[in-house]
Protein backbone atom coordinates (compact mmCIF):
# COMPACT_ATOMS: atom_id res chain seq x y z
CA MET A 1 187.45 -82.91 -70.86
CA GLN A 2 188.45 -80.38 -68.19
CA ILE A 3 186.48 -77.61 -66.48
CA GLY A 4 188.79 -75.06 -68.09
CA ASP A 5 187.86 -76.39 -71.53
CA LEU A 6 184.15 -76.21 -70.70
CA LYS A 7 184.54 -72.59 -69.63
CA LYS A 8 186.15 -71.75 -72.98
CA ILE A 9 183.28 -73.33 -74.94
CA VAL A 10 180.66 -71.56 -72.80
CA HIS A 11 182.46 -68.25 -73.42
CA LEU A 12 182.56 -69.02 -77.14
CA ALA A 13 178.82 -69.68 -77.12
CA GLN A 14 178.29 -66.21 -75.62
CA THR A 15 180.46 -64.28 -78.07
CA THR A 16 179.82 -66.47 -81.18
CA SER A 17 183.30 -65.45 -82.29
CA ILE A 18 186.53 -67.40 -81.95
CA GLN A 19 188.52 -64.19 -82.36
CA LYS A 20 186.62 -62.30 -79.62
CA SER A 21 186.69 -65.21 -77.18
CA ALA A 22 190.36 -65.89 -77.77
CA LEU A 23 191.19 -62.22 -77.11
CA SER A 24 189.11 -62.17 -73.92
CA LEU A 25 190.53 -65.50 -72.70
CA ASN A 26 194.08 -64.38 -73.52
CA ILE A 27 194.80 -67.33 -75.81
CA THR A 28 195.33 -67.63 -79.55
CA PRO A 29 192.39 -68.31 -81.88
CA GLY A 30 194.20 -71.46 -82.98
CA ALA A 31 194.39 -72.75 -79.42
CA LEU A 32 190.68 -72.10 -78.88
CA SER A 33 189.79 -73.84 -82.17
CA LYS A 34 191.90 -76.80 -81.09
CA THR A 35 190.03 -77.03 -77.78
CA LEU A 36 186.69 -76.95 -79.59
CA LYS A 37 187.77 -79.66 -82.04
CA LYS A 38 189.05 -81.80 -79.16
CA ILE A 39 185.70 -81.65 -77.37
CA GLU A 40 183.69 -82.24 -80.55
CA HIS A 41 185.91 -85.25 -81.32
CA LYS A 42 185.36 -86.58 -77.80
CA LEU A 43 181.60 -86.24 -78.19
CA CYS A 44 181.58 -87.45 -81.80
CA THR A 45 179.37 -84.52 -82.77
CA SER A 46 179.66 -80.88 -83.82
CA LEU A 47 178.46 -78.19 -81.42
CA PHE A 48 178.57 -75.09 -83.63
CA ASP A 49 177.54 -74.14 -87.15
CA ARG A 50 179.52 -71.56 -89.11
CA THR A 51 177.64 -68.47 -90.30
CA GLY A 52 180.04 -66.13 -92.05
CA ARG A 53 182.72 -65.02 -89.60
CA ASN A 54 180.72 -66.15 -86.60
CA ILE A 55 179.78 -69.52 -85.20
CA VAL A 56 176.46 -70.33 -83.53
CA LEU A 57 175.34 -73.24 -81.41
CA ASN A 58 173.44 -75.97 -83.23
CA GLY A 59 170.87 -78.25 -81.57
CA GLN A 60 173.50 -80.49 -79.97
CA GLY A 61 175.51 -77.48 -78.91
CA LYS A 62 172.57 -75.91 -77.08
CA LYS A 63 172.08 -79.11 -75.08
CA PHE A 64 175.78 -79.29 -74.34
CA ILE A 65 175.93 -75.71 -73.05
CA VAL A 66 173.07 -76.35 -70.60
CA TYR A 67 175.05 -79.22 -69.06
CA ALA A 68 178.35 -77.38 -69.24
CA VAL A 69 177.03 -74.27 -67.45
CA GLN A 70 175.61 -76.41 -64.64
CA LEU A 71 178.83 -78.45 -64.32
CA ILE A 72 180.96 -75.30 -64.13
CA HIS A 73 178.60 -73.79 -61.57
CA ASP A 74 178.63 -76.90 -59.36
CA TYR A 75 182.40 -77.20 -59.63
CA GLU A 76 182.93 -73.57 -58.58
CA GLN A 77 180.52 -73.92 -55.66
CA MET A 78 182.21 -77.14 -54.55
CA CYS A 79 185.61 -75.41 -54.58
CA SER A 80 184.12 -72.48 -52.68
CA GLU A 81 182.90 -74.81 -49.93
CA PHE A 82 186.32 -76.30 -49.25
CA THR A 83 188.82 -73.53 -50.01
CA ASP A 84 189.86 -70.94 -47.42
CA ASN A 85 189.94 -67.16 -47.69
CA SER A 86 193.23 -67.21 -49.58
CA VAL A 87 191.30 -68.24 -52.70
CA LYS A 88 189.23 -65.46 -54.26
CA SER A 89 185.71 -66.12 -55.55
CA LYS A 90 184.77 -63.95 -58.53
CA ILE A 91 181.06 -63.14 -58.55
CA LYS A 92 179.06 -61.23 -61.16
CA LEU A 93 175.75 -59.55 -60.31
CA THR A 94 173.53 -57.96 -62.93
CA GLY A 95 170.11 -56.31 -63.13
CA PRO A 96 168.35 -52.98 -63.75
CA SER A 97 170.29 -50.01 -62.41
CA VAL A 98 167.23 -48.80 -60.45
CA LEU A 99 167.40 -51.99 -58.37
CA LEU A 100 171.13 -52.60 -58.04
CA GLY A 101 171.85 -50.05 -55.30
CA ALA A 102 169.15 -51.30 -52.93
CA SER A 103 169.99 -54.93 -53.75
CA LEU A 104 173.68 -54.42 -53.03
CA ALA A 105 172.83 -52.89 -49.67
CA LYS A 106 171.23 -56.22 -48.74
CA ILE A 107 173.67 -58.58 -50.47
CA ALA A 108 177.14 -57.06 -49.99
CA PRO A 109 177.24 -57.26 -46.15
CA MET A 110 176.51 -60.99 -46.39
CA LEU A 111 179.49 -61.72 -48.64
CA VAL A 112 182.21 -60.63 -46.20
CA THR A 113 182.91 -64.13 -44.88
CA LYS A 114 184.69 -65.11 -48.09
CA ASN A 115 187.39 -63.47 -50.16
CA ILE A 116 185.01 -62.03 -52.75
CA GLU A 117 185.56 -60.01 -55.91
CA LEU A 118 182.12 -58.71 -56.85
CA SER A 119 181.54 -57.43 -60.38
CA ILE A 120 178.37 -55.41 -61.00
CA GLU A 121 176.76 -54.75 -64.39
CA ALA A 122 173.57 -52.83 -65.10
CA GLN A 123 171.24 -54.58 -67.56
CA TYR A 124 167.53 -54.77 -68.18
CA GLU A 125 166.01 -57.77 -66.43
CA GLY A 126 165.41 -59.79 -69.62
CA ASP A 127 169.09 -59.54 -70.52
CA ALA A 128 170.04 -60.29 -66.91
CA ILE A 129 168.09 -63.56 -67.05
CA LYS A 130 169.74 -64.50 -70.35
CA GLN A 131 173.16 -63.86 -68.78
CA LEU A 132 172.32 -66.09 -65.85
CA VAL A 133 171.03 -68.90 -68.05
CA SER A 134 174.08 -68.79 -70.32
CA GLY A 135 176.56 -68.74 -67.43
CA GLY A 136 177.55 -65.12 -68.00
CA CYS A 137 176.72 -64.11 -64.42
CA HIS A 138 176.04 -65.70 -61.03
CA LEU A 139 173.24 -63.51 -59.67
CA ALA A 140 170.47 -61.46 -61.31
CA VAL A 141 168.03 -58.97 -59.81
CA ILE A 142 164.60 -58.86 -61.47
CA THR A 143 161.04 -57.78 -60.72
CA GLU A 144 158.14 -60.08 -59.91
CA GLU A 145 156.71 -59.66 -63.40
CA ALA A 146 159.87 -61.15 -64.92
CA LEU A 147 159.66 -64.28 -62.75
CA VAL A 148 157.52 -65.82 -65.51
CA GLU A 149 160.68 -66.10 -67.62
CA VAL A 150 162.63 -67.65 -64.74
CA LYS A 151 160.17 -70.53 -64.46
CA ASN A 152 161.16 -71.68 -67.96
CA PHE A 153 164.67 -72.46 -66.69
CA ALA A 154 166.24 -74.35 -63.79
CA LEU A 155 166.62 -71.22 -61.68
CA GLN A 156 165.69 -70.33 -58.11
CA TYR A 157 164.88 -66.97 -56.51
CA VAL A 158 164.56 -65.26 -53.14
CA PHE A 159 162.62 -62.11 -52.28
CA LEU A 160 164.75 -59.00 -51.68
CA GLY A 161 162.32 -56.14 -51.26
CA ALA A 162 159.85 -53.77 -52.90
CA THR A 163 160.09 -50.33 -54.44
CA ARG A 164 157.51 -47.57 -54.17
CA SER A 165 157.65 -44.82 -56.78
CA LYS A 166 157.57 -41.19 -55.68
CA VAL A 167 157.63 -37.77 -57.31
CA ILE A 168 160.93 -36.02 -56.55
CA ALA A 169 162.33 -32.52 -56.97
CA ALA A 170 165.48 -30.63 -56.04
CA PRO A 171 165.27 -28.17 -53.10
CA GLN A 172 165.90 -25.29 -55.52
CA HIS A 173 163.03 -26.28 -57.83
CA ALA A 174 160.42 -23.59 -58.47
CA LEU A 175 157.78 -25.74 -56.78
CA PHE A 176 159.33 -25.06 -53.37
CA ASN A 177 159.15 -21.30 -53.91
CA GLN A 178 155.36 -21.62 -53.77
CA PHE A 179 155.11 -24.62 -51.45
CA PRO A 180 158.08 -24.67 -49.03
CA ASP A 181 156.78 -27.74 -47.20
CA GLY A 182 156.62 -29.79 -50.42
CA LYS A 183 152.89 -30.49 -50.07
CA VAL A 184 150.89 -29.83 -53.22
CA SER A 185 147.67 -30.93 -54.88
CA LEU A 186 147.76 -33.13 -57.95
CA LYS A 187 146.34 -30.28 -60.06
CA THR A 188 149.17 -27.99 -58.98
CA LEU A 189 151.80 -30.69 -59.46
CA LEU A 190 150.77 -31.24 -63.06
CA GLU A 191 151.55 -27.62 -63.88
CA PHE A 192 155.28 -28.38 -63.56
CA GLY A 193 157.42 -30.16 -66.13
CA PHE A 194 158.63 -33.77 -65.77
CA ILE A 195 161.56 -35.75 -67.10
CA CYS A 196 160.58 -39.32 -68.02
CA PRO A 197 162.24 -42.40 -69.47
CA LYS A 198 161.20 -43.54 -72.94
CA THR A 199 161.19 -47.15 -71.76
CA SER A 200 160.64 -49.00 -68.49
CA PRO A 201 163.70 -48.73 -66.19
CA PHE A 202 163.13 -52.39 -65.26
CA CYS A 203 162.60 -54.24 -68.54
CA GLY A 204 163.50 -51.67 -71.21
CA ALA A 205 160.10 -51.92 -72.93
CA VAL A 206 157.86 -48.99 -73.85
CA GLN A 207 155.07 -48.92 -71.25
CA GLY A 208 152.77 -45.96 -71.67
CA VAL A 209 153.53 -42.30 -72.27
CA GLY A 210 156.22 -41.96 -69.60
CA SER A 211 157.05 -45.66 -69.10
CA ASP A 212 157.76 -44.95 -65.42
CA GLY A 213 154.51 -46.27 -63.94
CA TRP A 214 152.63 -42.95 -63.81
CA GLN A 215 149.06 -43.16 -65.15
CA ASP A 216 149.36 -40.48 -67.81
CA HIS A 217 146.11 -41.64 -69.45
CA ILE A 218 144.31 -40.53 -66.27
CA HIS A 219 146.54 -37.72 -65.01
CA PRO A 220 148.47 -36.41 -68.05
CA ARG A 221 151.75 -34.68 -67.24
CA LYS A 222 153.77 -31.99 -68.94
CA ILE A 223 156.77 -34.06 -70.12
CA ILE A 224 159.56 -31.71 -71.20
CA TYR A 225 162.56 -34.06 -71.11
CA ARG A 226 163.11 -37.75 -71.80
CA SER A 227 166.06 -39.93 -70.83
CA ASP A 228 166.60 -43.67 -70.41
CA ASP A 229 169.91 -43.00 -68.67
CA LEU A 230 169.21 -43.00 -64.93
CA ASN A 231 172.20 -40.84 -64.03
CA SER A 232 171.23 -38.18 -66.57
CA LEU A 233 167.62 -38.23 -65.42
CA LEU A 234 168.57 -37.78 -61.75
CA ALA A 235 171.07 -35.08 -62.68
CA MET A 236 168.35 -33.06 -64.41
CA VAL A 237 166.18 -33.38 -61.32
CA SER A 238 168.95 -32.50 -58.86
CA GLN A 239 169.74 -29.38 -60.91
CA GLY A 240 166.14 -28.20 -60.49
CA ASN A 241 165.21 -28.56 -64.17
CA ALA A 242 162.30 -30.99 -63.80
CA LEU A 243 160.31 -33.34 -61.60
CA ALA A 244 160.54 -37.12 -61.94
CA TYR A 245 158.57 -40.17 -60.83
CA VAL A 246 161.13 -42.75 -59.73
CA PRO A 247 161.45 -45.82 -57.47
CA ASP A 248 162.45 -44.89 -53.93
CA THR A 249 165.49 -47.18 -54.30
CA VAL A 250 167.29 -44.47 -56.31
CA ILE A 251 166.33 -41.40 -54.30
CA ASN A 252 169.31 -39.54 -52.85
CA ARG A 253 167.93 -37.63 -49.90
CA GLU A 254 170.78 -35.10 -50.02
CA SER A 255 170.05 -33.80 -53.52
CA VAL A 256 166.29 -34.34 -53.99
CA THR A 257 163.11 -34.34 -51.92
CA ALA A 258 160.00 -36.50 -52.27
CA ILE A 259 156.84 -34.47 -52.96
CA ASP A 260 153.78 -34.98 -50.76
CA ILE A 261 150.73 -35.00 -53.06
CA SER A 262 147.77 -34.17 -50.85
CA SER A 263 144.84 -34.98 -53.10
CA ILE A 264 145.78 -38.47 -54.31
CA THR A 265 147.59 -41.62 -53.22
CA LEU A 266 150.07 -42.93 -55.77
CA ASP A 267 150.89 -46.55 -55.19
CA TYR A 268 153.06 -47.90 -58.02
CA GLN A 269 155.17 -50.70 -56.55
CA GLU A 270 157.56 -53.34 -57.84
CA ARG A 271 158.62 -56.37 -55.81
CA TYR A 272 162.12 -57.53 -56.74
CA TYR A 273 164.02 -60.78 -56.33
CA LEU A 274 167.51 -62.26 -56.47
CA VAL A 275 167.65 -65.05 -59.04
CA TYR A 276 170.35 -67.73 -59.04
CA ARG A 277 171.27 -71.19 -60.27
CA ALA A 278 170.89 -73.76 -57.48
CA SER A 279 173.78 -75.94 -56.32
CA THR A 280 174.08 -78.84 -53.87
CA ALA A 281 177.48 -77.64 -52.66
CA ASP A 282 177.57 -75.37 -49.60
CA GLY A 283 179.67 -72.68 -51.27
CA TRP A 284 179.35 -68.91 -51.09
CA LEU A 285 176.05 -69.00 -52.99
CA ASN A 286 174.14 -71.31 -50.63
CA GLN A 287 175.58 -69.44 -47.66
CA LEU A 288 174.34 -66.14 -49.13
CA ILE A 289 170.87 -67.48 -49.91
CA THR A 290 170.53 -68.99 -46.43
CA LYS A 291 171.35 -65.63 -44.84
CA LEU A 292 168.90 -63.78 -47.09
CA LYS A 293 166.12 -66.23 -46.21
CA GLU A 294 166.91 -65.90 -42.51
CA VAL A 295 166.58 -62.11 -42.76
CA LYS A 296 163.25 -62.54 -44.57
CA VAL A 297 161.91 -64.83 -41.84
CA SER A 298 163.11 -62.61 -38.97
CA SER A 299 161.52 -59.51 -40.56
CA ARG A 300 158.03 -61.01 -40.63
C-alpha cells in the first residue's frame, strides 16, 4: 500500500464519485477502481458502500480515512523537512473571505524559506474545518467561536489576530456632504441606508437582522440592500450607494472611510486562529507555526 494509493482513496472519499475523482486525478475510472479493490483486498474489508452512482464511506472506511489522512500528512511533512528548495510544497489555505486577507499578510511572509505553491480558497469556517479534517486542505482560518468544533478532532491552532467591525462609507457618500469630518451621532447615522449580508460572513449562518454583528434589535437600521458576496457588498459601498458594518480586515482605506460615531462605542470583535493538523516532522508546517508563535510572544 503506497502513499499515492492512499491519496487516491482520500480523494475518492471527498468526491464520493469514481468518475469525478478519476477525472481530477487524471487516471481512468477503471484504474481507480482497481486501486480501491487492491486496498480493500489487502485489508480484507470493504471501505465504501454503493448508493446509486455514488459511493460513500462505511464504518470501516471512515476509520481508514482518519488514519490515511494522518499518514499522508506526516509523510508530506517528513519529505518537506529533508528536501531542498528544488522540490515544491503545495499548500492549501481556506477560511472565510473576510479573514483571508489579514491572515495571508501574517502567513505568506513566513513561507518564503521553502519553494511554496500556496492555493487559497474562500469557505465558511465550518466547511473549512471539514476540509482540514478530510485532508482537503492544510490550513484553515476560523474564529474563536468555531474552536468548539476543532476540539472534536485531532487538530491544533495558533492565534492570528482580532477583527473590530466598523461602519464604512465612500468619500462621495451623501453623509460626507453634511459631515465632512466623518463624525456623526448614532441617530444621524441611522438615517442613512445600509447594505448587509443575509448570513454571517464567518460561519454562513443567519444571525440577526443584518447578520453582521450590529445590534439591530437595539439600534434598528435602514437596510436597503443585502448581499452575502463580500466583493459585491464592498463595491456598493465604494460607489457611494450605502453604508456597511464590516470587519476592519477588509477595509480598503483608498476607497472607503471608517465613520466616527460620537454618541456610542461599537465593539463587535472576532478573534481568529490558524488551525492545522499536527506533525512530528520539522517540515514547512512546524516551521511556520514556530514563527507565528514567536511573533505572538514578542508582541506581548
